[in-house]
């Protein structure tokens, strides 16, 4: 196995587990990542999915040996491999559960893509992000939509064309990260920041959180003339749902919403 899935309360942590290769991914790892996403979506006990890396790095991107082998497979097989890779980034981006990237070290190439496909990115000040494909004669192809979504087209062009390393604090300014914390030897600050964020997410209705993700994508990509109908349908369907009725009733009765876990049921990054 090249990944490890650990479960703690409502928080599942998907650990990339090739530390000797700086968690560089290949076909096998991508398949295991996809299987873990599917499992998280199917299990109601999973409320938040955290993506993390074992060892010194978060993820060094695609394994170059694997990439070179794919290029030799012929045009159709090479294209199919790239489409499958892109599809898994899309699956992560569209995951029905909130996702958090826990970035403690190097995030390079596809590693930046994995982080960018998550809903939230929490990094340490010693972490760095690099899209250095151009220096290998490559481009950040299938990960580009997620990076552009995070930083915008102008900043993405600079990141893609220069290939510079971006430290955690600068990543926060650019939008590659949402939180940047101090780096300590045990990564206690990082885990505390992830736990704080997961605790906030666990206060949201599970289906409402999923609907929020779909709402943003719909507003962004819908034809302007269709946005009103799309957004009106989104709120009308939500407020008529059992989840929303229970949440509003709990608020009016000054009680916690039924989906908010107790102290024993909640969990941080495992």
Protein backbone atom coordinates (compact mmCIF):
# COMPACT_ATOMS: atom_id res chain seq x y z
CA UNK A 1 0.00 0.00 0.00
CA UNK A 2 1.24 3.48 -0.86
CA UNK A 3 -1.34 5.31 1.26
CA UNK A 4 -2.64 4.83 4.80
CA UNK A 5 -6.14 5.84 5.86
CA UNK A 6 -6.53 6.60 9.55
CA UNK A 7 -9.87 7.34 11.17
CA UNK A 8 -10.40 9.39 14.29
CA UNK A 9 -13.93 10.36 15.07
CA UNK A 10 -15.44 12.17 12.13
CA UNK A 11 -12.03 13.02 10.69
CA UNK A 12 -10.29 10.66 8.28
CA UNK A 13 -6.66 11.33 7.41
CA UNK A 14 -5.31 10.02 4.11
CA UNK A 15 -1.56 9.70 4.51
CA UNK A 16 0.61 9.55 1.39
CA UNK A 17 3.01 6.79 2.36
CA UNK A 18 6.06 6.80 0.08
CA UNK A 19 8.34 8.85 2.34
CA UNK A 20 11.49 7.44 0.74
CA UNK A 21 10.30 8.94 -2.57
CA UNK A 22 9.00 12.14 -0.94
CA UNK A 23 5.50 10.78 -1.58
CA UNK A 24 5.83 11.12 -5.35
CA UNK A 25 2.79 9.46 -6.88
CA UNK A 26 2.47 6.88 -9.63
CA UNK A 27 -0.41 4.87 -11.03
CA UNK A 28 -0.76 2.62 -7.99
CA UNK A 29 -0.83 5.51 -5.53
CA UNK A 30 -3.34 7.46 -7.62
CA UNK A 31 -5.62 4.43 -7.64
CA UNK A 32 -5.37 4.11 -3.86
CA UNK A 33 -6.07 7.83 -3.41
CA UNK A 34 -9.18 7.49 -5.55
CA UNK A 35 -10.34 4.44 -3.58
CA UNK A 36 -9.89 6.34 -0.31
CA UNK A 37 -11.94 9.27 -1.62
CA UNK A 38 -14.71 6.88 -2.66
CA UNK A 39 -14.68 5.23 0.78
CA UNK A 40 -14.85 8.61 2.52
CA UNK A 41 -17.82 9.64 0.41
CA UNK A 42 -19.71 6.41 1.07
CA UNK A 43 -19.23 6.38 4.84
CA UNK A 44 -21.45 8.74 6.80
CA UNK A 45 -19.01 8.44 9.71
CA UNK A 46 -16.47 10.42 7.67
CA UNK A 47 -17.19 14.13 8.02
CA UNK A 48 -13.85 15.65 6.97
CA UNK A 49 -11.02 14.21 4.86
CA UNK A 50 -7.46 15.42 5.58
CA UNK A 51 -4.68 14.80 3.05
CA UNK A 52 -1.20 14.55 4.58
CA UNK A 53 2.26 13.26 3.74
CA UNK A 54 4.57 10.99 5.71
CA UNK A 55 8.24 11.81 6.09
CA UNK A 56 9.89 15.11 5.20
CA UNK A 57 7.66 16.10 2.28
CA UNK A 58 3.97 16.54 1.58
CA UNK A 59 4.25 15.35 -2.02
CA UNK A 60 6.98 15.77 -4.64
CA UNK A 61 4.48 15.39 -7.48
CA UNK A 62 4.51 12.67 -10.10
CA UNK A 63 7.22 10.01 -9.97
CA UNK A 64 9.43 10.94 -12.92
CA UNK A 65 10.30 7.31 -13.67
CA UNK A 66 6.59 6.55 -13.95
CA UNK A 67 6.03 9.66 -16.07
CA UNK A 68 8.81 8.66 -18.46
CA UNK A 69 7.37 5.15 -18.74
CA UNK A 70 3.91 6.53 -19.55
CA UNK A 71 5.38 8.65 -22.34
CA UNK A 72 6.76 5.49 -24.00
CA UNK A 73 3.41 3.68 -24.03
CA UNK A 74 2.22 5.22 -27.29
CA UNK A 75 0.06 8.27 -27.93
CA UNK A 76 -3.31 6.78 -26.99
CA UNK A 77 -2.11 5.03 -23.84
CA UNK A 78 -0.15 8.11 -22.80
CA UNK A 79 -3.23 10.30 -23.24
CA UNK A 80 -5.43 7.82 -21.36
CA UNK A 81 -2.96 7.82 -18.46
CA UNK A 82 -2.98 11.63 -18.31
CA UNK A 83 -6.79 11.69 -18.43
CA UNK A 84 -6.98 9.19 -15.58
CA UNK A 85 -4.54 11.26 -13.54
CA UNK A 86 -6.55 14.41 -14.16
CA UNK A 87 -9.75 12.60 -13.29
CA UNK A 88 -8.42 11.75 -9.83
CA UNK A 89 -7.55 15.40 -9.14
CA UNK A 90 -11.09 16.24 -10.23
CA UNK A 91 -12.48 13.55 -7.89
CA UNK A 92 -10.59 15.11 -5.00
CA UNK A 93 -11.84 18.57 -5.93
CA UNK A 94 -15.43 17.34 -6.13
CA UNK A 95 -15.27 15.13 -3.03
CA UNK A 96 -18.60 15.18 -1.21
CA UNK A 97 -16.80 15.74 2.10
CA UNK A 98 -14.79 18.85 3.08
CA UNK A 99 -11.09 18.32 2.37
CA UNK A 100 -8.00 19.80 4.00
CA UNK A 101 -4.40 19.57 2.77
CA UNK A 102 -1.89 19.41 5.65
CA UNK A 103 1.34 20.66 4.06
CA UNK A 104 4.42 20.40 6.26
CA UNK A 105 7.25 20.16 3.71
CA UNK A 106 7.79 20.18 -0.03
CA UNK A 107 4.74 20.33 -2.29
CA UNK A 108 5.99 20.18 -5.85
CA UNK A 109 4.25 19.85 -9.21
CA UNK A 110 1.39 17.44 -8.73
CA UNK A 111 1.78 17.87 -4.98
CA UNK A 112 0.70 21.49 -5.43
CA UNK A 113 -2.15 20.11 -7.52
CA UNK A 114 -3.29 17.78 -4.75
CA UNK A 115 -3.23 20.62 -2.23
CA UNK A 116 -4.99 23.01 -4.61
CA UNK A 117 -7.74 20.48 -5.29
CA UNK A 118 -8.58 20.47 -1.58
CA UNK A 119 -11.03 22.92 -0.03
CA UNK A 120 -8.49 24.21 2.49
CA UNK A 121 -4.70 24.25 2.63
CA UNK A 122 -2.90 24.55 5.98
CA UNK A 123 0.89 24.89 5.72
CA UNK A 124 3.85 25.57 7.95
CA UNK A 125 6.23 28.44 7.39
CA UNK A 126 8.94 25.96 6.33
CA UNK A 127 6.73 24.28 3.75
CA UNK A 128 7.25 25.32 0.16
CA UNK A 129 5.28 25.06 -3.05
CA UNK A 130 6.92 24.75 -6.46
CA UNK A 131 5.55 24.33 -9.95
CA UNK A 132 8.86 23.63 -11.64
CA UNK A 133 7.63 21.46 -14.53
CA UNK A 134 8.85 24.00 -17.08
CA UNK A 135 12.43 23.32 -15.99
CA UNK A 136 11.95 19.71 -17.07
CA UNK A 137 10.36 20.68 -20.37
CA UNK A 138 6.91 19.87 -18.98
CA UNK A 139 3.77 21.81 -18.06
CA UNK A 140 1.48 21.49 -15.00
CA UNK A 141 -1.26 20.21 -17.31
CA UNK A 142 -4.05 18.44 -15.44
CA UNK A 143 -3.40 20.31 -12.18
CA UNK A 144 -3.62 23.75 -13.79
CA UNK A 145 -7.40 24.24 -13.30
CA UNK A 146 -7.07 23.85 -9.53
CA UNK A 147 -4.05 26.15 -9.22
CA UNK A 148 -5.68 28.80 -11.44
CA UNK A 149 -8.83 28.57 -9.35
CA UNK A 150 -6.79 29.31 -6.24
CA UNK A 151 -4.47 32.09 -7.37
CA UNK A 152 -6.00 33.51 -10.58
CA UNK A 153 -4.61 33.46 -14.13
CA UNK A 154 -1.93 36.16 -13.84
CA UNK A 155 -0.29 34.65 -10.75
CA UNK A 156 -0.65 31.15 -12.20
CA UNK A 157 1.25 32.18 -15.34
CA UNK A 158 4.11 33.48 -13.22
CA UNK A 159 4.18 30.33 -11.07
CA UNK A 160 4.08 28.06 -14.13
CA UNK A 161 6.67 29.97 -16.17
CA UNK A 162 9.21 30.79 -13.45
CA UNK A 163 9.12 27.55 -11.47
CA UNK A 164 10.27 29.27 -8.29
CA UNK A 165 9.90 27.83 -4.81
CA UNK A 166 7.23 29.64 -2.81
CA UNK A 167 7.65 29.43 1.00
CA UNK A 168 4.63 28.97 3.25
CA UNK A 169 4.15 32.62 4.19
CA UNK A 170 4.30 33.73 0.56
CA UNK A 171 1.95 30.89 -0.41
CA UNK A 172 -0.53 32.35 2.05
CA UNK A 173 -0.27 35.76 0.36
CA UNK A 174 -0.67 34.25 -3.12
CA UNK A 175 -3.64 32.11 -2.14
CA UNK A 176 -1.94 28.72 -2.45
CA UNK A 177 -2.47 28.30 1.30
CA UNK A 178 -5.31 29.38 3.59
CA UNK A 179 -3.40 29.14 6.87
CA UNK A 180 0.32 29.37 7.65
CA UNK A 181 1.61 28.37 11.06
CA UNK A 182 4.97 28.13 12.80
CA UNK A 183 7.03 25.01 12.12
CA UNK A 184 8.00 22.98 15.17
CA UNK A 185 9.73 19.61 15.33
CA UNK A 186 6.57 17.70 16.27
CA UNK A 187 4.32 19.74 13.95
CA UNK A 188 2.08 20.50 16.91
CA UNK A 189 1.13 23.92 15.58
CA UNK A 190 0.17 22.43 12.23
CA UNK A 191 -1.96 19.69 13.77
CA UNK A 192 -3.61 22.22 16.10
CA UNK A 193 -4.50 24.43 13.13
CA UNK A 194 -5.95 21.46 11.23
CA UNK A 195 -7.93 20.38 14.31
CA UNK A 196 -9.31 23.90 14.78
CA UNK A 197 -10.43 24.00 11.17
CA UNK A 198 -12.02 20.55 11.30
CA UNK A 199 -13.90 21.51 14.47
CA UNK A 200 -15.45 24.44 12.61
CA UNK A 201 -16.39 22.24 9.65
CA UNK A 202 -18.01 19.68 11.94
CA UNK A 203 -20.47 22.38 13.02
CA UNK A 204 -21.88 22.54 9.49
CA UNK A 205 -24.59 20.25 8.22
CA UNK A 206 -22.94 17.45 6.20
CA UNK A 207 -25.25 17.81 3.22
CA UNK A 208 -25.17 21.60 3.44
CA UNK A 209 -21.38 21.57 3.23
CA UNK A 210 -21.54 19.43 0.10
CA UNK A 211 -24.18 21.74 -1.35
CA UNK A 212 -21.95 24.77 -0.67
CA UNK A 213 -19.21 23.25 -2.82
CA UNK A 214 -21.67 22.61 -5.64
CA UNK A 215 -23.07 26.13 -5.25
CA UNK A 216 -19.68 27.79 -5.78
CA UNK A 217 -18.95 25.69 -8.86
CA UNK A 218 -22.41 26.33 -10.24
CA UNK A 219 -22.25 30.09 -9.79
CA UNK A 220 -18.78 30.21 -11.31
CA UNK A 221 -19.48 28.14 -14.40
CA UNK A 222 -23.17 28.71 -15.08
CA UNK A 223 -24.26 30.99 -17.87
CA UNK A 224 -25.05 34.38 -16.23
CA UNK A 225 -28.67 34.15 -17.32
CA UNK A 226 -29.06 30.83 -15.52
CA UNK A 227 -27.49 31.84 -12.20
CA UNK A 228 -30.69 33.19 -10.62
CA UNK A 229 -32.63 29.99 -11.27
CA UNK A 230 -29.68 27.86 -10.12
CA UNK A 231 -29.17 29.74 -6.84
CA UNK A 232 -32.90 29.98 -6.07
CA UNK A 233 -33.23 26.24 -6.54
CA UNK A 234 -30.19 25.65 -4.32
CA UNK A 235 -31.64 27.51 -1.32
CA UNK A 236 -35.22 26.29 -1.83
CA UNK A 237 -34.11 22.65 -1.89
CA UNK A 238 -31.85 23.10 1.11
CA UNK A 239 -34.38 24.81 3.36
CA UNK A 240 -36.94 22.10 2.64
CA UNK A 241 -34.47 19.34 3.55
CA UNK A 242 -34.70 17.33 6.76
CA UNK A 243 -31.21 18.45 7.69
CA UNK A 244 -32.06 22.15 7.46
CA UNK A 245 -35.34 21.71 9.33
CA UNK A 246 -33.49 19.97 12.14
CA UNK A 247 -30.80 22.64 12.18
CA UNK A 248 -33.24 25.55 12.29
CA UNK A 249 -35.34 23.85 14.98
CA UNK A 250 -32.23 23.28 17.10
CA UNK A 251 -31.24 26.94 16.76
CA UNK A 252 -34.72 28.18 17.70
CA UNK A 253 -34.74 25.86 20.71
CA UNK A 254 -31.22 26.95 21.71
CA UNK A 255 -29.84 23.44 21.28
CA UNK A 256 -26.83 22.20 19.27
CA UNK A 257 -27.55 20.92 15.80
CA UNK A 258 -27.89 17.12 15.74
CA UNK A 259 -24.83 16.63 13.55
CA UNK A 260 -22.42 18.46 15.87
CA UNK A 261 -20.25 15.75 17.45
CA UNK A 262 -19.64 15.41 21.15
CA UNK A 263 -16.10 15.77 22.49
CA UNK A 264 -15.67 11.98 22.29
CA UNK A 265 -16.87 11.80 18.69
CA UNK A 266 -14.75 14.62 17.23
CA UNK A 267 -11.18 14.16 16.11
CA UNK A 268 -8.21 15.96 14.60
CA UNK A 269 -5.60 14.78 12.13
CA UNK A 270 -4.72 11.22 13.12
